[in-house]
Protein backbone atom coordinates (compact mmCIF):
# COMPACT_ATOMS: atom_id res chain seq x y z
CA MET A 1 -38.32 -18.43 -34.40
CA THR A 2 -36.45 -19.02 -37.67
CA LYS A 3 -33.36 -21.21 -38.09
CA ASN A 4 -30.98 -18.25 -38.22
CA GLY A 5 -32.14 -16.79 -34.88
CA HIS A 6 -34.10 -13.83 -36.29
CA GLY A 7 -37.20 -14.56 -34.21
CA ARG A 8 -38.24 -12.80 -31.00
CA VAL A 9 -36.02 -14.95 -28.81
CA GLY A 10 -33.00 -14.28 -31.06
CA ARG A 11 -33.67 -10.53 -30.98
CA LEU A 12 -34.05 -10.64 -27.20
CA LEU A 13 -30.76 -12.50 -26.79
CA ARG A 14 -28.95 -10.05 -29.10
CA ALA A 15 -30.48 -7.09 -27.18
CA LEU A 16 -29.35 -8.56 -23.85
CA ALA A 17 -25.87 -9.18 -25.25
CA ALA A 18 -25.69 -5.60 -26.56
CA ALA A 19 -26.87 -4.25 -23.20
CA ALA A 20 -24.27 -6.33 -21.37
CA ALA A 21 -21.57 -5.10 -23.76
CA GLY A 22 -22.71 -1.54 -23.13
CA LEU A 23 -22.51 -2.03 -19.36
CA THR A 24 -19.03 -3.47 -19.68
CA LEU A 25 -18.00 -0.48 -21.75
CA VAL A 26 -19.41 1.95 -19.20
CA VAL A 27 -17.60 0.20 -16.34
CA GLY A 28 -14.38 0.18 -18.37
CA ILE A 29 -14.63 3.91 -19.05
CA ALA A 30 -15.67 4.86 -15.54
CA THR A 31 -12.47 3.64 -13.83
CA PRO A 32 -9.42 4.62 -15.91
CA SER A 33 -7.68 6.39 -13.02
CA ALA A 34 -7.90 3.31 -10.78
CA ALA A 35 -6.48 1.13 -13.54
CA ALA A 36 -3.63 3.61 -14.07
CA GLN A 37 -2.56 3.61 -10.41
CA THR A 38 0.48 1.47 -9.60
CA TRP A 39 0.27 -0.72 -6.49
CA TYR A 40 3.09 -2.28 -4.47
CA ASP A 41 3.60 -4.30 -1.35
CA PHE A 42 6.62 -3.93 0.92
CA ILE A 43 8.41 -6.88 2.52
CA ASN A 44 10.46 -6.13 5.64
CA GLY A 45 14.10 -7.20 5.47
CA LYS A 46 14.05 -8.88 8.86
CA GLY A 47 11.36 -11.54 8.43
CA ASP A 48 10.01 -13.90 11.05
CA GLY A 49 12.42 -16.78 10.57
CA GLY A 50 10.85 -18.36 7.52
CA PHE A 51 8.01 -16.20 6.29
CA ALA A 52 8.06 -12.76 4.71
CA LEU A 53 6.50 -9.95 6.72
CA PHE A 54 4.58 -7.30 4.78
CA LEU A 55 3.87 -3.67 5.68
CA THR A 56 0.22 -3.82 6.72
CA VAL A 57 -2.41 -1.46 8.04
CA SER A 58 -5.93 -2.51 9.00
CA GLY A 59 -8.65 -0.39 10.51
CA GLY A 60 -9.47 3.27 10.35
CA LEU A 61 -7.96 6.60 11.20
CA LYS A 62 -4.81 6.33 13.38
CA ALA A 63 -4.61 2.53 13.03
CA GLN A 64 -0.99 1.51 13.61
CA ALA A 65 0.95 -0.03 10.76
CA THR A 66 2.32 -3.51 11.47
CA VAL A 67 4.20 -6.24 9.67
CA LYS A 68 2.27 -9.41 8.98
CA THR A 69 2.52 -12.53 6.89
CA GLU A 70 0.75 -12.19 3.56
CA VAL A 71 -3.00 -11.65 3.74
CA ALA A 72 -5.65 -11.04 1.09
CA GLY A 73 -7.19 -7.63 0.59
CA GLY A 74 -6.00 -4.04 0.44
CA SER A 75 -4.32 -3.86 3.85
CA GLN A 76 -0.93 -4.65 2.28
CA LEU A 77 -1.28 -2.58 -0.91
CA TRP A 78 0.50 0.77 -1.24
CA THR A 79 0.94 3.39 -3.89
CA TYR A 80 3.39 6.27 -4.10
CA GLN A 81 2.38 9.84 -4.55
CA ASP A 82 5.31 12.05 -5.54
CA SER A 83 5.76 15.39 -3.78
CA GLY A 84 8.85 17.19 -5.06
CA GLY A 85 11.53 14.66 -4.12
CA TYR A 86 9.50 13.06 -1.34
CA VAL A 87 6.80 10.41 -1.50
CA PHE A 88 3.57 9.78 0.33
CA LEU A 89 2.86 6.12 0.99
CA ARG A 90 -0.86 5.86 0.34
CA SER A 91 -2.77 2.83 1.63
CA GLY A 92 -5.07 0.65 -0.43
CA ASN A 93 -6.84 -0.34 2.78
CA SER A 94 -9.89 1.87 2.34
CA THR A 95 -11.63 4.28 0.04
CA GLN A 96 -10.09 7.05 2.15
CA GLN A 97 -6.62 6.37 0.69
CA TYR A 98 -4.94 7.24 3.96
CA ALA A 99 -1.22 8.05 4.05
CA LEU A 100 1.41 6.71 6.45
CA SER A 101 2.05 9.31 9.14
CA ILE A 102 3.73 9.69 12.52
CA LEU A 103 1.36 9.42 15.50
CA ASP A 104 0.65 12.88 16.94
CA ASN A 105 3.60 14.37 15.02
CA ASN A 106 5.97 12.98 17.66
CA HIS A 107 9.74 12.92 17.00
CA ALA A 108 10.74 10.29 19.56
CA ASN A 109 12.23 6.90 18.71
CA LYS A 110 9.64 4.11 18.83
CA THR A 111 6.74 6.45 17.96
CA PRO A 112 4.08 4.41 16.13
CA VAL A 113 3.54 4.89 12.42
CA VAL A 114 -0.18 5.14 11.66
CA GLN A 115 -2.51 5.74 8.77
CA TYR A 116 -3.97 9.21 8.75
CA THR A 117 -6.05 11.39 6.47
CA TYR A 118 -3.88 12.35 3.50
CA GLN A 119 -2.64 15.94 3.85
CA PRO A 120 -0.40 17.12 0.97
CA THR A 121 1.34 19.76 3.14
CA ASN A 122 2.01 17.49 6.13
CA ASP A 123 5.76 16.77 6.40
CA TYR A 124 5.01 13.91 8.84
CA GLN A 125 3.52 12.06 5.85
CA LYS A 126 6.45 12.70 3.51
CA TRP A 127 9.21 10.12 3.13
CA THR A 128 12.45 9.94 1.18
CA ARG A 129 12.91 6.65 -0.61
CA GLU A 130 16.60 5.71 -0.19
CA PHE A 131 18.10 2.96 -2.33
CA VAL A 132 19.72 0.23 -0.23
CA ALA A 133 20.37 -2.74 -2.53
CA ASN A 134 19.51 -4.28 -5.88
CA GLY A 135 16.27 -6.21 -5.98
CA GLY A 136 14.05 -3.31 -4.96
CA TRP A 137 15.35 -2.77 -1.40
CA TYR A 138 14.78 0.69 0.11
CA ARG A 139 14.80 2.60 3.38
CA PHE A 140 12.13 5.24 4.06
CA ARG A 141 13.22 8.36 5.99
CA ASN A 142 10.54 10.69 7.35
CA LEU A 143 10.97 14.34 6.30
CA ALA A 144 9.75 15.91 9.56
CA THR A 145 11.59 13.67 12.02
CA GLY A 146 14.63 12.49 10.05
CA ARG A 147 13.96 9.00 11.44
CA CYS A 148 13.37 5.82 9.43
CA LEU A 149 10.46 3.44 9.05
CA ALA A 150 11.36 0.48 11.29
CA VAL A 151 9.80 -2.43 13.14
CA LEU A 152 9.49 -2.52 16.94
CA GLY A 153 11.80 -5.21 18.30
CA GLY A 154 14.08 -4.96 15.28
CA THR A 155 17.16 -6.04 17.24
CA ALA A 156 15.66 -9.50 17.86
CA SER A 157 16.83 -12.35 15.62
CA THR A 158 13.33 -12.65 14.13
CA LEU A 159 10.14 -10.60 14.30
CA PRO A 160 6.71 -12.02 15.06
CA SER A 161 3.87 -11.32 12.66
CA GLY A 162 1.89 -8.37 14.03
CA SER A 163 4.92 -6.38 15.26
CA GLY A 164 4.30 -2.63 15.22
CA VAL A 165 5.87 -0.28 12.70
CA ILE A 166 7.62 2.71 14.29
CA ILE A 167 10.13 5.43 13.51
CA TYR A 168 13.68 4.99 14.77
CA ASP A 169 17.12 6.52 14.25
CA CYS A 170 18.23 5.47 10.76
CA GLY A 171 20.79 2.68 10.74
CA SER A 172 21.79 -0.46 8.90
CA GLY A 173 19.33 -2.84 10.59
CA GLN A 174 17.29 -5.15 8.40
CA ASP A 175 14.13 -4.04 10.22
CA GLN A 176 14.55 -0.68 8.42
CA VAL A 177 14.89 -2.19 4.94
CA TRP A 178 11.87 -2.80 2.73
CA GLN A 179 11.63 -4.69 -0.55
CA GLU A 180 9.27 -3.06 -2.99
CA ARG A 181 7.26 -5.55 -5.09
CA HIS A 182 5.18 -4.32 -8.00
CA ILE A 183 1.68 -5.81 -7.77
CA SER A 184 -0.39 -4.07 -10.47
CA GLY A 185 -0.78 -0.98 -12.61
């Protein structure tokens, strides 16, 4: 090998560096849509008496949404998909990109909110995003039921982590208010 690195070892190192750069370029080009997607988390207005509670969904099809203290991973990441004045709340929990839906298309108060296969014509997956207060606070009203995204036990002074997310008659309770925080994208 010569002093300036033109020997076999130098050529090998340059070839490996070029190959690595090429792989990086391919990976960068292969995922532009994922990079362009905007992700949020949603903090419930009620809280558990000292810690923020985040809209969370873990598991597969028909897993109930809950509120939990902050955890790592996609179970607390959400993206909006606009649908003519309504939004779908799409989960970052899995490659399926499930949407928040109402269990069994039920209209009753306290019906669980679950993740379900995204269906662009399903009104039980469409929500209006209603401004409540400065700082990114919103209420989500379901198109099919007219009821709002709420937390079971919302009349209690605090909510325990793991409380179920339900639909309930829209009101002024803090359990129906969600702070949107931009995470990425």
